[in-house]
Amino acid sequence: MGIKKFFGAVRDAWHGICDAVELGRNIRIELLAAAWALLLVWTSGYGKWYYIAVLGVCALVLSAECMNTAVEKLCDRVTAERDELIHKVKDMAAGAVLICAVVALCVGLFLFVDLDFWKAVLHNIGDNKGWAAVALVVIPLGAFVMAFLPPKADKSEVENSEEKSEESPENGEDKENGDN
């Protein structure tokens, strides 16, 4: 693979991540949780293993959510009608995200349900990092607002709805054609 192809693939992957964030509400909520968890680890002053654990489970959940969003959008593109197999495929993709989220929750509980951890966070906020207290409020608040903005409509969803409206006869057409 040439260097141009490599950077083209990286660019396409980045666009895919941006599309997932733009189209999906859940991934924005998970980004909020990831930002807050990383901010907590940073303010605690704990070692690299905390960062590695949090980064690992965040990457796991966000990757699974990107795949789930891709599967959902593809399934929606295949048919807008209720199909049992497509429903099961969507449920399986959502189940994969749930498994990753439960693992992330377990890691979070293990790391953050520790009195010494919170003492370190409060100590560091009060000590040298007074501005970290502001960050602990402002960054999650901004991310919260971003997470709960409605997702943009997917172009394929807009096209599908336009196709359906073109295919379905308007109210008076049947009567005019004598198809009562």
Protein backbone atom coordinates (compact mmCIF):
# COMPACT_ATOMS: atom_id res chain seq x y z
CA MET A 1 0.00 0.00 0.00
CA GLY A 2 1.45 3.35 -1.02
CA ILE A 3 1.66 6.30 1.33
CA LYS A 4 -1.08 8.14 -0.60
CA LYS A 5 -3.45 5.21 -0.27
CA PHE A 6 -2.65 4.92 3.43
CA PHE A 7 -3.44 8.58 4.12
CA GLY A 8 -6.54 8.31 1.94
CA ALA A 9 -7.72 5.38 4.06
CA VAL A 10 -7.01 7.32 7.26
CA ARG A 11 -8.97 10.30 5.87
CA ASP A 12 -11.90 8.04 4.97
CA ALA A 13 -11.84 6.46 8.43
CA TRP A 14 -11.86 9.92 10.04
CA HIS A 15 -14.85 10.88 7.88
CA GLY A 16 -16.60 7.71 9.03
CA ILE A 17 -16.07 8.66 12.67
CA CYS A 18 -17.36 12.18 12.00
CA ASP A 19 -20.42 10.75 10.22
CA ALA A 20 -21.14 8.45 13.16
CA VAL A 21 -20.93 11.38 15.58
CA GLU A 22 -23.08 13.53 13.31
CA LEU A 23 -25.77 10.89 12.75
CA GLY A 24 -25.90 9.12 16.11
CA ARG A 25 -26.97 10.44 19.48
CA ASN A 26 -25.60 7.50 21.48
CA ILE A 27 -22.03 7.99 20.33
CA ARG A 28 -22.20 11.61 21.46
CA ILE A 29 -23.37 10.50 24.88
CA GLU A 30 -20.51 7.98 25.01
CA LEU A 31 -18.04 10.69 24.00
CA LEU A 32 -19.36 12.76 26.91
CA ALA A 33 -18.77 9.86 29.29
CA ALA A 34 -15.29 9.28 27.85
CA ALA A 35 -14.33 12.95 28.18
CA TRP A 36 -15.51 13.06 31.76
CA ALA A 37 -13.76 9.81 32.71
CA LEU A 38 -10.47 11.00 31.19
CA LEU A 39 -10.84 14.35 32.92
CA LEU A 40 -11.38 12.59 36.25
CA VAL A 41 -8.28 10.43 35.75
CA TRP A 42 -6.27 13.53 34.82
CA THR A 43 -7.40 15.49 37.90
CA SER A 44 -6.74 12.53 40.18
CA GLY A 45 -3.06 12.51 39.35
CA TYR A 46 -3.13 8.71 39.35
CA GLY A 47 -0.69 6.80 37.17
CA LYS A 48 -0.62 5.66 33.59
CA TRP A 49 -2.49 2.41 34.26
CA TYR A 50 -5.64 4.40 35.04
CA TYR A 51 -5.26 6.22 31.70
CA ILE A 52 -4.65 2.96 29.87
CA ALA A 53 -7.72 1.31 31.41
CA VAL A 54 -10.00 4.28 30.70
CA LEU A 55 -8.66 4.82 27.17
CA GLY A 56 -9.02 1.11 26.43
CA VAL A 57 -12.65 0.80 27.47
CA CYS A 58 -13.52 4.14 25.83
CA ALA A 59 -12.00 2.95 22.55
CA LEU A 60 -13.86 -0.34 22.89
CA VAL A 61 -17.26 1.29 23.41
CA LEU A 62 -16.78 3.99 20.75
CA SER A 63 -15.61 1.43 18.17
CA ALA A 64 -18.59 -0.80 18.87
CA GLU A 65 -20.93 2.19 18.61
CA CYS A 66 -19.44 3.20 15.24
CA MET A 67 -20.04 -0.34 13.96
CA ASN A 68 -23.57 -0.33 15.39
CA THR A 69 -24.36 2.98 13.70
CA ALA A 70 -22.97 1.68 10.40
CA VAL A 71 -25.05 -1.51 10.63
CA GLU A 72 -28.20 0.45 11.49
CA LYS A 73 -27.75 2.92 8.63
CA LEU A 74 -27.05 0.13 6.16
CA CYS A 75 -30.09 -1.84 7.32
CA ASP A 76 -32.26 1.28 7.05
CA ARG A 77 -30.97 1.78 3.52
CA VAL A 78 -31.81 -1.80 2.51
CA THR A 79 -35.47 -1.49 3.48
CA ALA A 80 -37.65 0.85 5.45
CA GLU A 81 -40.21 -1.90 5.98
CA ARG A 82 -40.25 -4.10 9.06
CA ASP A 83 -38.09 -7.15 8.38
CA GLU A 84 -37.49 -9.72 11.12
CA LEU A 85 -33.93 -10.59 10.03
CA ILE A 86 -32.91 -6.92 9.83
CA HIS A 87 -34.45 -6.38 13.25
CA LYS A 88 -32.34 -9.23 14.65
CA VAL A 89 -29.17 -7.91 12.99
CA LYS A 90 -29.75 -4.46 14.51
CA ASP A 91 -30.37 -6.05 17.91
CA MET A 92 -27.13 -8.05 17.66
CA ALA A 93 -25.15 -4.92 16.82
CA ALA A 94 -26.76 -3.10 19.74
CA GLY A 95 -25.98 -6.10 21.95
CA ALA A 96 -22.30 -5.80 21.06
CA VAL A 97 -22.37 -2.19 22.23
CA LEU A 98 -24.13 -3.22 25.42
CA ILE A 99 -21.45 -5.83 26.19
CA CYS A 100 -18.71 -3.22 25.70
CA ALA A 101 -20.60 -0.66 27.79
CA VAL A 102 -21.03 -3.13 30.66
CA VAL A 103 -17.30 -3.88 30.60
CA ALA A 104 -16.59 -0.12 30.61
CA LEU A 105 -18.98 0.34 33.53
CA CYS A 106 -17.24 -2.42 35.49
CA VAL A 107 -13.84 -0.85 34.86
CA GLY A 108 -15.26 2.56 35.82
CA LEU A 109 -16.71 1.21 39.04
CA PHE A 110 -13.42 -0.49 39.85
CA LEU A 111 -11.47 2.72 39.27
CA PHE A 112 -13.83 5.43 40.46
CA VAL A 113 -15.61 3.81 43.43
CA ASP A 114 -12.58 4.34 45.58
CA LEU A 115 -12.47 6.90 48.36
CA ASP A 116 -8.75 7.51 47.83
CA PHE A 117 -9.37 8.33 44.17
CA TRP A 118 -11.92 11.04 45.05
CA LYS A 119 -9.69 12.40 47.79
CA ALA A 120 -6.92 12.77 45.19
CA VAL A 121 -9.30 14.50 42.75
CA LEU A 122 -10.50 16.97 45.38
CA HIS A 123 -6.97 17.55 46.65
CA ASN A 124 -5.63 18.31 43.17
CA ILE A 125 -8.56 20.59 42.35
CA GLY A 126 -8.07 22.52 45.57
CA ASP A 127 -4.28 22.59 45.33
CA ASN A 128 -2.62 23.53 42.11
CA LYS A 129 -5.35 22.90 39.62
CA GLY A 130 -8.14 25.29 40.58
CA TRP A 131 -9.00 25.71 36.93
CA ALA A 132 -9.56 21.94 36.78
CA ALA A 133 -12.71 22.47 38.86
CA VAL A 134 -14.03 24.71 36.12
CA ALA A 135 -13.06 22.10 33.51
CA LEU A 136 -14.89 19.39 35.47
CA VAL A 137 -18.07 21.45 35.10
CA VAL A 138 -17.67 23.27 31.77
CA ILE A 139 -16.40 20.41 29.57
CA PRO A 140 -19.07 17.89 30.62
CA LEU A 141 -21.76 20.57 30.42
CA GLY A 142 -20.74 21.46 26.86
CA ALA A 143 -20.51 17.81 25.94
CA PHE A 144 -23.93 17.20 27.54
CA VAL A 145 -25.48 19.88 25.35
CA MET A 146 -23.76 18.42 22.27
CA ALA A 147 -24.84 14.88 23.19
CA PHE A 148 -28.52 15.73 23.39
CA LEU A 149 -28.80 17.84 20.25
CA PRO A 150 -30.93 15.95 17.76
CA PRO A 151 -28.88 14.03 15.19
CA LYS A 152 -28.86 15.27 11.62
CA ALA A 153 -31.03 13.37 9.20
CA ASP A 154 -29.07 10.91 7.11
CA LYS A 155 -29.14 11.70 3.38
CA SER A 156 -30.37 8.17 2.64
CA GLU A 157 -33.25 8.62 5.10
CA VAL A 158 -34.26 11.84 3.35
CA GLU A 159 -34.01 10.13 -0.07
CA ASN A 160 -36.06 7.14 1.16
CA SER A 161 -38.81 9.40 2.49
CA GLU A 162 -38.87 11.32 -0.82
CA GLU A 163 -39.07 8.05 -2.78
CA LYS A 164 -41.96 6.83 -0.61
CA SER A 165 -43.88 10.06 -1.09
CA GLU A 166 -43.36 9.79 -4.88
CA GLU A 167 -44.46 6.12 -4.93
CA SER A 168 -47.60 6.56 -2.86
CA PRO A 169 -50.56 8.00 -4.75
CA GLU A 170 -51.89 11.28 -3.53
CA ASN A 171 -55.32 11.35 -1.94
CA GLY A 172 -57.33 12.26 -5.01
CA GLU A 173 -55.47 10.21 -7.66
CA ASP A 174 -57.34 6.93 -7.19
CA LYS A 175 -60.73 8.57 -7.50
CA GLU A 176 -59.75 10.43 -10.64
CA ASN A 177 -58.56 7.21 -12.29
CA GLY A 178 -61.72 5.38 -11.37
CA ASP A 179 -60.00 2.94 -8.95
CA ASN A 180 -62.56 3.23 -6.15
